Amino acid sequence: MELQALPSRIGQVRRIVSAQLRYWHMDSLIDRASLGVTELLSNVHRHARPDKTCTVEMELLLDRLKISVYDHDPRLPVVADAGPLATCGRGLAMVAAMSESWGVMPDGESGKVVWFTLPTPSADAPAAWDRQPRLTAVEPADHRFAEVAFAEHATEPRPERAPAHSTVPG
């Protein structure tokens, strides 16, 4: 998506990124992706010349999410060593700390792309909707109350369900 990196638009992009990650069932990445895209767009707003026009791209790769921000300023950003009392200069350091990888490279003759990746949730981990509730009695003598616990990896096999039979002939 192409946009002007203005403070009001940054919030809109954050909501779009969150909605797309929910659609892909990757809710666990929302906070880090939102933080990363906010920092990269804030850098465009603060530093990019000649204009604040940029493009945000989200790519879902095999085992990672890649978010890229393209702008029209050929100057490459540098991770600053912000002092303890500095009020800015930590954005790229935060992106580096919360992401799997990040980088910057020239894009043509008059621009650059800054990107970061996040590992996607493991395909081996069961989704929340796939967990089976397991009932366990709170007290052996009193079966009026039961505690429900979600089993992450059920060890006992699921019982076979009998096929449905209709009472209507035919």
Protein backbone atom coordinates (compact mmCIF):
# COMPACT_ATOMS: atom_id res chain seq x y z
CA MET A 1 0.00 0.00 0.00
CA GLU A 2 1.30 3.44 -0.88
CA LEU A 3 0.80 6.30 1.57
CA GLN A 4 2.09 9.52 3.05
CA ALA A 5 3.95 8.72 6.30
CA LEU A 6 1.94 11.14 8.42
CA PRO A 7 1.11 10.40 12.08
CA SER A 8 -2.59 9.85 11.31
CA ARG A 9 -1.78 7.41 8.50
CA ILE A 10 0.68 5.44 10.66
CA GLY A 11 -2.16 4.43 12.99
CA GLN A 12 -4.27 3.36 10.00
CA VAL A 13 -1.44 1.20 8.65
CA ARG A 14 -1.00 -0.38 12.08
CA ARG A 15 -4.72 -1.33 12.07
CA ILE A 16 -4.45 -2.74 8.52
CA VAL A 17 -1.40 -4.84 9.48
CA SER A 18 -3.24 -6.14 12.57
CA ALA A 19 -6.34 -7.02 10.53
CA GLN A 20 -4.28 -8.86 7.91
CA LEU A 21 -2.44 -10.87 10.56
CA ARG A 22 -5.78 -11.81 12.18
CA TYR A 23 -7.02 -12.92 8.76
CA TRP A 24 -3.92 -15.11 8.39
CA HIS A 25 -4.51 -16.47 11.95
CA MET A 26 -1.20 -15.04 13.16
CA ASP A 27 -2.46 -13.03 16.11
CA SER A 28 0.74 -13.74 18.06
CA LEU A 29 2.69 -11.53 15.61
CA ILE A 30 0.43 -8.47 15.84
CA ASP A 31 2.26 -6.61 18.63
CA ARG A 32 5.73 -7.02 17.16
CA ALA A 33 4.62 -6.34 13.57
CA SER A 34 2.74 -3.21 14.70
CA LEU A 35 5.75 -1.96 16.63
CA GLY A 36 8.09 -2.58 13.71
CA VAL A 37 5.92 -0.94 11.06
CA THR A 38 5.29 2.03 13.38
CA GLU A 39 9.01 2.58 13.87
CA LEU A 40 9.82 2.30 10.16
CA LEU A 41 7.01 4.67 9.16
CA SER A 42 8.02 7.10 11.91
CA ASN A 43 11.52 7.15 10.43
CA VAL A 44 10.09 7.97 7.00
CA HIS A 45 8.00 10.75 8.54
CA ARG A 46 10.94 12.17 10.46
CA HIS A 47 13.84 11.74 8.02
CA ALA A 48 12.78 11.02 4.41
CA ARG A 49 13.40 13.61 1.72
CA PRO A 50 12.19 14.91 -0.72
CA ASP A 51 8.74 13.69 0.32
CA LYS A 52 7.04 11.42 2.85
CA THR A 53 5.57 9.05 0.27
CA CYS A 54 6.31 5.41 0.97
CA THR A 55 5.02 1.92 0.30
CA VAL A 56 4.42 -0.77 2.93
CA GLU A 57 4.56 -4.38 1.84
CA MET A 58 3.72 -7.51 3.87
CA GLU A 59 4.93 -10.87 2.60
CA LEU A 60 4.02 -14.18 4.14
CA LEU A 61 6.89 -16.47 3.31
CA LEU A 62 7.19 -20.16 4.14
CA ASP A 63 8.29 -19.75 7.76
CA ARG A 64 8.42 -15.99 8.32
CA LEU A 65 6.59 -12.75 7.85
CA LYS A 66 8.48 -9.98 6.06
CA ILE A 67 7.40 -6.35 6.33
CA SER A 68 9.13 -3.83 4.06
CA VAL A 69 8.89 -0.04 3.84
CA TYR A 70 10.06 1.59 0.60
CA ASP A 71 10.69 5.35 0.44
CA HIS A 72 12.23 7.86 -1.99
CA ASP A 73 15.20 8.92 0.14
CA PRO A 74 18.48 7.26 -0.89
CA ARG A 75 20.15 7.91 2.48
CA LEU A 76 20.51 4.67 4.43
CA PRO A 77 19.54 4.69 8.12
CA VAL A 78 22.02 3.85 10.84
CA VAL A 79 21.30 2.33 14.23
CA ALA A 80 21.98 5.14 16.68
CA ASP A 81 23.65 4.73 20.03
CA ALA A 82 21.10 6.76 21.99
CA GLY A 83 22.18 7.93 25.39
CA PRO A 84 20.12 7.09 28.47
CA LEU A 85 18.42 10.51 28.47
CA ALA A 86 17.82 10.73 24.71
CA THR A 87 14.18 11.15 23.68
CA CYS A 88 14.64 9.58 20.24
CA GLY A 89 17.07 7.43 18.29
CA ARG A 90 16.06 3.97 19.51
CA GLY A 91 13.65 2.95 16.74
CA LEU A 92 15.93 0.77 14.63
CA ALA A 93 17.49 -0.74 17.74
CA MET A 94 13.99 -1.78 18.86
CA VAL A 95 13.25 -3.23 15.41
CA ALA A 96 16.52 -5.18 15.59
CA ALA A 97 15.73 -6.44 19.10
CA MET A 98 12.19 -7.63 18.42
CA SER A 99 12.66 -9.09 14.95
CA GLU A 100 14.28 -12.25 13.66
CA SER A 101 16.28 -10.20 11.13
CA TRP A 102 16.20 -6.77 9.56
CA GLY A 103 18.06 -4.81 6.96
CA VAL A 104 18.20 -1.91 4.55
CA MET A 105 19.21 -1.73 0.90
CA PRO A 106 19.11 0.81 -1.90
CA ASP A 107 16.02 0.63 -4.12
CA GLY A 108 16.91 2.00 -7.52
CA GLU A 109 18.79 5.28 -7.80
CA SER A 110 16.65 7.39 -5.51
CA GLY A 111 15.24 5.31 -2.71
CA LYS A 112 15.68 2.48 -0.24
CA VAL A 113 13.82 -0.33 1.41
CA VAL A 114 13.99 -1.08 5.13
CA TRP A 115 12.60 -4.47 6.17
CA PHE A 116 12.29 -6.85 9.08
CA THR A 117 11.17 -10.45 9.50
CA LEU A 118 9.31 -12.30 12.23
CA PRO A 119 9.14 -16.07 12.54
CA THR A 120 5.65 -17.39 11.91
CA PRO A 121 3.96 -19.59 14.51
CA SER A 122 5.12 -23.18 14.18
CA ALA A 123 2.99 -25.44 12.02
CA ASP A 124 3.60 -28.20 14.59
CA ALA A 125 1.98 -26.27 17.43
CA PRO A 126 -1.75 -26.91 17.68
CA ALA A 127 -3.97 -23.93 17.06
CA ALA A 128 -6.12 -22.74 19.95
CA TRP A 129 -9.25 -24.10 18.28
CA ASP A 130 -7.62 -27.53 17.93
CA ARG A 131 -7.05 -28.06 21.65
CA GLN A 132 -9.34 -30.60 23.26
CA PRO A 133 -10.99 -29.86 26.59
CA ARG A 134 -10.22 -32.47 29.21
CA LEU A 135 -12.45 -32.79 32.26
CA THR A 136 -10.84 -33.65 35.57
CA ALA A 137 -12.63 -33.95 38.88
CA VAL A 138 -11.66 -31.35 41.47
CA GLU A 139 -12.38 -33.69 44.39
CA PRO A 140 -12.70 -37.44 43.90
CA ALA A 141 -15.62 -37.72 46.38
CA ASP A 142 -17.66 -34.89 44.89
CA HIS A 143 -18.35 -35.11 41.16
CA ARG A 144 -20.63 -32.06 41.06
CA PHE A 145 -17.79 -29.77 39.96
CA ALA A 146 -15.35 -30.33 37.15
CA GLU A 147 -12.34 -28.34 36.08
CA VAL A 148 -11.69 -27.86 32.38
CA ALA A 149 -8.08 -27.85 31.24
CA PHE A 150 -6.91 -27.60 27.66
CA ALA A 151 -4.61 -30.39 26.61
CA GLU A 152 -1.85 -29.07 24.38
CA HIS A 153 -0.93 -32.51 23.10
CA ALA A 154 -3.50 -35.16 23.89
CA THR A 155 -1.81 -38.50 24.48
CA GLU A 156 -4.92 -40.64 24.45
CA PRO A 157 -6.48 -41.23 21.03
CA ARG A 158 -9.81 -39.67 20.17
CA PRO A 159 -12.69 -42.11 20.41
CA GLU A 160 -14.16 -43.17 17.09
CA ARG A 161 -17.54 -41.66 16.48
CA ALA A 162 -20.35 -43.91 15.34
CA PRO A 163 -21.84 -43.01 11.98
CA ALA A 164 -25.12 -41.13 12.13
CA HIS A 165 -28.21 -43.17 11.28
CA SER A 166 -31.47 -41.72 10.17
CA THR A 167 -34.79 -43.02 11.45
CA VAL A 168 -36.37 -42.02 8.15
CA PRO A 169 -36.44 -44.99 5.74
CA GLY A 170 -34.79 -44.54 2.42
